[in-house]
């Protein structure tokens, strides 16, 4: 590393930091995509079942079904 000029060392450091920044952004986007997929899964699969249970509970408390 002693043989490189200051300009070359700064350029190399800048390139490495740019690469690491791009890598961090890539991991962040991957994480956001995984989070979005999980949120869609919950909203499409789990939430309708919870809503149906809530409807049954309200209906039972009102006495319209399962007296």
PDB file of N, CA and C in Angstrom:
ATOM      1  N   UNK A   1       0.820  -1.187   0.000  1.00  0.00           N
ATOM      2  CA  UNK A   1       0.000   0.000   0.000  1.00  0.00           C
ATOM      3  C   UNK A   1       0.866   1.253   0.000  1.00  0.00           C
ATOM      4  N   UNK A   2       2.088   1.121   0.416  1.00  0.00           N
ATOM      5  CA  UNK A   2       3.000   2.271   0.449  1.00  0.00           C
ATOM      6  C   UNK A   2       3.324   2.780  -0.949  1.00  0.00           C
ATOM      7  N   UNK A   3       3.249   1.901  -1.943  1.00  0.00           N
ATOM      8  CA  UNK A   3       3.627   2.312  -3.291  1.00  0.00           C
ATOM      9  C   UNK A   3       2.532   3.113  -3.998  1.00  0.00           C
ATOM     10  N   UNK A   4       1.327   3.066  -3.485  1.00  0.00           N
ATOM     11  CA  UNK A   4       0.235   3.810  -4.110  1.00  0.00           C
ATOM     12  C   UNK A   4       0.281   5.277  -3.700  1.00  0.00           C
ATOM     13  N   UNK A   5      -0.128   6.126  -4.604  1.00  0.00           N
ATOM     14  CA  UNK A   5      -0.173   7.549  -4.282  1.00  0.00           C
ATOM     15  C   UNK A   5      -1.384   7.840  -3.396  1.00  0.00           C
ATOM     16  N   UNK A   6      -1.416   9.012  -2.837  1.00  0.00           N
ATOM     17  CA  UNK A   6      -2.532   9.409  -1.991  1.00  0.00           C
ATOM     18  C   UNK A   6      -3.819   9.419  -2.805  1.00  0.00           C
ATOM     19  N   UNK A   7      -3.732   9.888  -4.022  1.00  0.00           N
ATOM     20  CA  UNK A   7      -4.913   9.931  -4.891  1.00  0.00           C
ATOM     21  C   UNK A   7      -5.446   8.524  -5.165  1.00  0.00           C
ATOM     22  N   UNK A   8      -4.564   7.582  -5.406  1.00  0.00           N
ATOM     23  CA  UNK A   8      -4.979   6.205  -5.676  1.00  0.00           C
ATOM     24  C   UNK A   8      -5.613   5.581  -4.433  1.00  0.00           C
ATOM     25  N   UNK A   9      -5.033   5.834  -3.257  1.00  0.00           N
ATOM     26  CA  UNK A   9      -5.597   5.297  -2.023  1.00  0.00           C
ATOM     27  C   UNK A   9      -6.978   5.884  -1.742  1.00  0.00           C
ATOM     28  N   UNK A  10      -7.127   7.191  -1.955  1.00  0.00           N
ATOM     29  CA  UNK A  10      -8.432   7.819  -1.748  1.00  0.00           C
ATOM     30  C   UNK A  10      -9.471   7.281  -2.735  1.00  0.00           C
ATOM     31  N   UNK A  11      -9.071   7.081  -3.967  1.00  0.00           N
ATOM     32  CA  UNK A  11      -9.986   6.540  -4.971  1.00  0.00           C
ATOM     33  C   UNK A  11     -10.402   5.119  -4.617  1.00  0.00           C
ATOM     34  N   UNK A  12      -9.447   4.314  -4.193  1.00  0.00           N
ATOM     35  CA  UNK A  12      -9.749   2.938  -3.800  1.00  0.00           C
ATOM     36  C   UNK A  12     -10.691   2.923  -2.592  1.00  0.00           C
ATOM     37  N   UNK A  13     -10.430   3.769  -1.611  1.00  0.00           N
ATOM     38  CA  UNK A  13     -11.286   3.852  -0.433  1.00  0.00           C
ATOM     39  C   UNK A  13     -12.692   4.284  -0.812  1.00  0.00           C
ATOM     40  N   UNK A  14     -12.788   5.251  -1.711  1.00  0.00           N
ATOM     41  CA  UNK A  14     -14.097   5.729  -2.152  1.00  0.00           C
ATOM     42  C   UNK A  14     -14.854   4.620  -2.880  1.00  0.00           C
ATOM     43  N   UNK A  15     -14.180   3.867  -3.695  1.00  0.00           N
ATOM     44  CA  UNK A  15     -14.827   2.757  -4.415  1.00  0.00           C
ATOM     45  C   UNK A  15     -15.311   1.678  -3.456  1.00  0.00           C
ATOM     46  N   UNK A  16     -14.508   1.355  -2.453  1.00  0.00           N
ATOM     47  CA  UNK A  16     -14.898   0.341  -1.473  1.00  0.00           C
ATOM     48  C   UNK A  16     -16.104   0.819  -0.676  1.00  0.00           C
ATOM     49  N   UNK A  17     -16.094   2.072  -0.250  1.00  0.00           N
ATOM     50  CA  UNK A  17     -17.225   2.612   0.499  1.00  0.00           C
ATOM     51  C   UNK A  17     -18.494   2.667  -0.348  1.00  0.00           C
ATOM     52  N   UNK A  18     -18.349   2.992  -1.613  1.00  0.00           N
ATOM     53  CA  UNK A  18     -19.503   3.013  -2.520  1.00  0.00           C
ATOM     54  C   UNK A  18     -20.088   1.610  -2.685  1.00  0.00           C
ATOM     55  N   UNK A  19     -19.203   0.632  -2.808  1.00  0.00           N
ATOM     56  CA  UNK A  19     -19.648  -0.755  -2.918  1.00  0.00           C
ATOM     57  C   UNK A  19     -20.385  -1.188  -1.653  1.00  0.00           C
ATOM     58  N   UNK A  20     -19.845  -0.855  -0.487  1.00  0.00           N
ATOM     59  CA  UNK A  20     -20.497  -1.217   0.766  1.00  0.00           C
ATOM     60  C   UNK A  20     -21.848  -0.515   0.923  1.00  0.00           C
ATOM     61  N   UNK A  21     -21.930   0.726   0.483  1.00  0.00           N
ATOM     62  CA  UNK A  21     -23.196   1.448   0.523  1.00  0.00           C
ATOM     63  C   UNK A  21     -24.228   0.774  -0.376  1.00  0.00           C
ATOM     64  N   UNK A  22     -23.831   0.391  -1.565  1.00  0.00           N
ATOM     65  CA  UNK A  22     -24.750  -0.304  -2.485  1.00  0.00           C
ATOM     66  C   UNK A  22     -25.193  -1.643  -1.902  1.00  0.00           C
ATOM     67  N   UNK A  23     -24.275  -2.321  -1.235  1.00  0.00           N
ATOM     68  CA  UNK A  23     -24.604  -3.594  -0.603  1.00  0.00           C
ATOM     69  C   UNK A  23     -25.624  -3.395   0.524  1.00  0.00           C
ATOM     70  N   UNK A  24     -25.431  -2.355   1.325  1.00  0.00           N
ATOM     71  CA  UNK A  24     -26.368  -2.071   2.417  1.00  0.00           C
ATOM     72  C   UNK A  24     -27.747  -1.700   1.865  1.00  0.00           C
ATOM     73  N   UNK A  25     -27.786  -0.930   0.797  1.00  0.00           N
ATOM     74  CA  UNK A  25     -29.067  -0.565   0.172  1.00  0.00           C
ATOM     75  C   UNK A  25     -29.760  -1.813  -0.376  1.00  0.00           C
ATOM     76  N   UNK A  26     -28.992  -2.709  -0.972  1.00  0.00           N
ATOM     77  CA  UNK A  26     -29.564  -3.957  -1.492  1.00  0.00           C
ATOM     78  C   UNK A  26     -30.183  -4.799  -0.394  1.00  0.00           C
ATOM     79  N   UNK A  27     -29.463  -4.930   0.733  1.00  0.00           N
ATOM     80  CA  UNK A  27     -30.020  -5.686   1.856  1.00  0.00           C
ATOM     81  C   UNK A  27     -31.265  -4.997   2.416  1.00  0.00           C
ATOM     82  N   UNK A  28     -31.258  -3.688   2.455  1.00  0.00           N
ATOM     83  CA  UNK A  28     -32.430  -2.952   2.934  1.00  0.00           C
ATOM     84  C   UNK A  28     -33.639  -3.164   2.053  1.00  0.00           C
ATOM     85  N   UNK A  29     -33.440  -3.116   0.755  1.00  0.00           N
ATOM     86  CA  UNK A  29     -34.553  -3.341  -0.178  1.00  0.00           C
ATOM     87  C   UNK A  29     -35.072  -4.769  -0.085  1.00  0.00           C
ATOM     88  N   UNK A  30     -34.153  -5.714   0.103  1.00  0.00           N
ATOM     89  CA  UNK A  30     -34.569  -7.104   0.274  1.00  0.00           C
ATOM     90  C   UNK A  30     -35.416  -7.254   1.540  1.00  0.00           C
ATOM     91  N   UNK A  31     -34.998  -6.613   2.613  1.00  0.00           N
ATOM     92  CA  UNK A  31     -35.750  -6.687   3.861  1.00  0.00           C
ATOM     93  C   UNK A  31     -37.122  -6.051   3.741  1.00  0.00           C
ATOM     94  N   UNK A  32     -37.204  -4.918   3.059  1.00  0.00           N
ATOM     95  CA  UNK A  32     -38.500  -4.259   2.862  1.00  0.00           C
ATOM     96  C   UNK A  32     -39.416  -5.135   2.015  1.00  0.00           C
ATOM     97  N   UNK A  33     -38.864  -5.794   1.015  1.00  0.00           N
ATOM     98  CA  UNK A  33     -39.664  -6.682   0.173  1.00  0.00           C
ATOM     99  C   UNK A  33     -40.192  -7.866   0.984  1.00  0.00           C
ATOM    100  N   UNK A  34     -39.348  -8.434   1.851  1.00  0.00           N
ATOM    101  CA  UNK A  34     -39.786  -9.551   2.694  1.00  0.00           C
ATOM    102  C   UNK A  34     -40.861  -9.095   3.670  1.00  0.00           C
ATOM    103  N   UNK A  35     -40.711  -7.903   4.221  1.00  0.00           N
ATOM    104  CA  UNK A  35     -41.707  -7.356   5.138  1.00  0.00           C
ATOM    105  C   UNK A  35     -43.042  -7.123   4.426  1.00  0.00           C
ATOM    106  N   UNK A  36     -42.976  -6.620   3.211  1.00  0.00           N
ATOM    107  CA  UNK A  36     -44.193  -6.394   2.425  1.00  0.00           C
ATOM    108  C   UNK A  36     -44.898  -7.718   2.131  1.00  0.00           C
ATOM    109  N   UNK A  37     -44.140  -8.748   1.808  1.00  0.00           N
ATOM    110  CA  UNK A  37     -44.741 -10.059   1.536  1.00  0.00           C
ATOM    111  C   UNK A  37     -45.410 -10.618   2.789  1.00  0.00           C
ATOM    112  N   UNK A  38     -44.776 -10.428   3.942  1.00  0.00           N
ATOM    113  CA  UNK A  38     -45.377 -10.906   5.190  1.00  0.00           C
ATOM    114  C   UNK A  38     -46.654 -10.141   5.520  1.00  0.00           C
ATOM    115  N   UNK A  39     -46.650  -8.850   5.293  1.00  0.00           N
ATOM    116  CA  UNK A  39     -47.847  -8.045   5.559  1.00  0.00           C
ATOM    117  C   UNK A  39     -48.994  -8.460   4.640  1.00  0.00           C
ATOM    118  N   UNK A  40     -48.685  -8.736   3.375  1.00  0.00           N
ATOM    119  CA  UNK A  40     -49.728  -9.205   2.458  1.00  0.00           C
ATOM    120  C   UNK A  40     -50.279 -10.550   2.905  1.00  0.00           C
ATOM    121  N   UNK A  41     -49.395 -11.442   3.370  1.00  0.00           N
ATOM    122  CA  UNK A  41     -49.818 -12.755   3.831  1.00  0.00           C
ATOM    123  C   UNK A  41     -50.763 -12.629   5.019  1.00  0.00           C
ATOM    124  N   UNK A  42     -50.429 -11.764   5.944  1.00  0.00           N
ATOM    125  CA  UNK A  42     -51.289 -11.567   7.117  1.00  0.00           C
ATOM    126  C   UNK A  42     -52.627 -10.985   6.700  1.00  0.00           C
ATOM    127  N   UNK A  43     -52.592  -9.986   5.820  1.00  0.00           N
ATOM    128  CA  UNK A  43     -53.850  -9.337   5.445  1.00  0.00           C
ATOM    129  C   UNK A  43     -54.745 -10.238   4.602  1.00  0.00           C
ATOM    130  N   UNK A  44     -54.175 -11.148   3.847  1.00  0.00           N
ATOM    131  CA  UNK A  44     -54.989 -12.008   2.990  1.00  0.00           C
ATOM    132  C   UNK A  44     -55.396 -13.312   3.661  1.00  0.00           C
ATOM    133  N   UNK A  45     -54.595 -13.819   4.598  1.00  0.00           N
ATOM    134  CA  UNK A  45     -54.887 -15.127   5.187  1.00  0.00           C
ATOM    135  C   UNK A  45     -55.373 -15.050   6.630  1.00  0.00           C
ATOM    136  N   UNK A  46     -54.690 -14.321   7.464  1.00  0.00           N
ATOM    137  CA  UNK A  46     -55.036 -14.317   8.890  1.00  0.00           C
ATOM    138  C   UNK A  46     -56.157 -13.347   9.221  1.00  0.00           C
ATOM    139  N   UNK A  47     -56.132 -12.190   8.637  1.00  0.00           N
ATOM    140  CA  UNK A  47     -57.103 -11.163   8.997  1.00  0.00           C
ATOM    141  C   UNK A  47     -58.549 -11.546   8.681  1.00  0.00           C
ATOM    142  N   UNK A  48     -58.857 -12.169   7.549  1.00  0.00           N
ATOM    143  CA  UNK A  48     -60.252 -12.580   7.320  1.00  0.00           C
ATOM    144  C   UNK A  48     -60.766 -13.569   8.368  1.00  0.00           C
ATOM    145  N   UNK A  49     -59.903 -14.457   8.838  1.00  0.00           N
ATOM    146  CA  UNK A  49     -60.324 -15.407   9.866  1.00  0.00           C
ATOM    147  C   UNK A  49     -60.614 -14.686  11.176  1.00  0.00           C
ATOM    148  N   UNK A  50     -59.786 -13.721  11.519  1.00  0.00           N
ATOM    149  CA  UNK A  50     -60.009 -12.945  12.742  1.00  0.00           C
ATOM    150  C   UNK A  50     -61.302 -12.134  12.620  1.00  0.00           C
ATOM    151  N   UNK A  51     -61.550 -11.561  11.463  1.00  0.00           N
ATOM    152  CA  UNK A  51     -62.794 -10.820  11.249  1.00  0.00           C
ATOM    153  C   UNK A  51     -64.011 -11.733  11.376  1.00  0.00           C
ATOM    154  N   UNK A  52     -63.911 -12.950  10.844  1.00  0.00           N
ATOM    155  CA  UNK A  52     -65.025 -13.893  10.945  1.00  0.00           C
ATOM    156  C   UNK A  52     -65.273 -14.277  12.399  1.00  0.00           C
ATOM    157  N   UNK A  53     -64.216 -14.479  13.160  1.00  0.00           N
ATOM    158  CA  UNK A  53     -64.390 -14.801  14.581  1.00  0.00           C
ATOM    159  C   UNK A  53     -65.034 -13.634  15.326  1.00  0.00           C
ATOM    160  N   UNK A  54     -64.625 -12.426  14.984  1.00  0.00           N
ATOM    161  CA  UNK A  54     -65.235 -11.253  15.608  1.00  0.00           C
ATOM    162  C   UNK A  54     -66.712 -11.150  15.277  1.00  0.00           C
ATOM    163  N   UNK A  55     -67.072 -11.455  14.031  1.00  0.00           N
ATOM    164  CA  UNK A  55     -68.485 -11.432  13.635  1.00  0.00           C
ATOM    165  C   UNK A  55     -69.283 -12.458  14.421  1.00  0.00           C
ATOM    166  N   UNK A  56     -68.723 -13.670  14.546  1.00  0.00           N
ATOM    167  CA  UNK A  56     -69.428 -14.711  15.300  1.00  0.00           C
ATOM    168  C   UNK A  56     -69.591 -14.315  16.762  1.00  0.00           C
ATOM    169  N   UNK A  57     -68.570 -13.706  17.337  1.00  0.00           N
ATOM    170  CA  UNK A  57     -68.653 -13.293  18.742  1.00  0.00           C
ATOM    171  C   UNK A  57     -69.716 -12.212  18.923  1.00  0.00           C
ATOM    172  N   UNK A  58     -69.727 -11.219  18.015  1.00  0.00           N
ATOM    173  CA  UNK A  58     -70.741 -10.165  18.114  1.00  0.00           C
ATOM    174  C   UNK A  58     -72.133 -10.732  17.929  1.00  0.00           C
ATOM    175  N   UNK A  59     -72.275 -11.657  16.977  1.00  0.00           N
ATOM    176  CA  UNK A  59     -73.587 -12.245  16.723  1.00  0.00           C
ATOM    177  C   UNK A  59     -74.053 -13.076  17.913  1.00  0.00           C
ATOM    178  N   UNK A  60     -73.117 -13.788  18.531  1.00  0.00           N
ATOM    179  CA  UNK A  60     -73.481 -14.610  19.685  1.00  0.00           C
ATOM    180  C   UNK A  60     -73.868 -13.724  20.867  1.00  0.00           C
ATOM    181  N   UNK A  61     -73.135 -12.650  21.071  1.00  0.00           N
ATOM    182  CA  UNK A  61     -73.452 -11.731  22.173  1.00  0.00           C
ATOM    183  C   UNK A  61     -74.803 -11.049  21.935  1.00  0.00           C
ATOM    184  N   UNK A  62     -75.134 -10.813  20.681  1.00  0.00           N
ATOM    185  CA  UNK A  62     -76.417 -10.187  20.371  1.00  0.00           C
ATOM    186  C   UNK A  62     -77.558 -11.186  20.446  1.00  0.00           C
ATOM    187  N   UNK A  63     -77.227 -12.485  20.442  1.00  0.00           N
ATOM    188  CA  UNK A  63     -78.245 -13.527  20.567  1.00  0.00           C
ATOM    189  C   UNK A  63     -78.860 -13.949  19.265  1.00  0.00           C
ATOM    190  N   UNK A  64     -78.292 -13.537  18.128  1.00  0.00           N
ATOM    191  CA  UNK A  64     -78.901 -13.897  16.857  1.00  0.00           C
ATOM    192  C   UNK A  64     -78.533 -15.302  16.405  1.00  0.00           C
ATOM    193  N   UNK A  65     -77.381 -15.799  16.818  1.00  0.00           N
ATOM    194  CA  UNK A  65     -77.017 -17.186  16.511  1.00  0.00           C
ATOM    195  C   UNK A  65     -76.474 -17.837  17.781  1.00  0.00           C
ATOM    196  N   UNK A  66     -76.531 -19.099  17.868  1.00  0.00           N
ATOM    197  CA  UNK A  66     -76.066 -19.879  19.001  1.00  0.00           C
ATOM    198  C   UNK A  66     -76.629 -19.355  20.327  1.00  0.00           C
ATOM    199  N   UNK A  67     -77.951 -19.377  20.515  1.00  0.00           N
ATOM    200  CA  UNK A  67     -78.536 -18.811  21.742  1.00  0.00           C
ATOM    201  C   UNK A  67     -78.149 -19.549  22.991  1.00  0.00           C
TER     202      UNK A  67
END
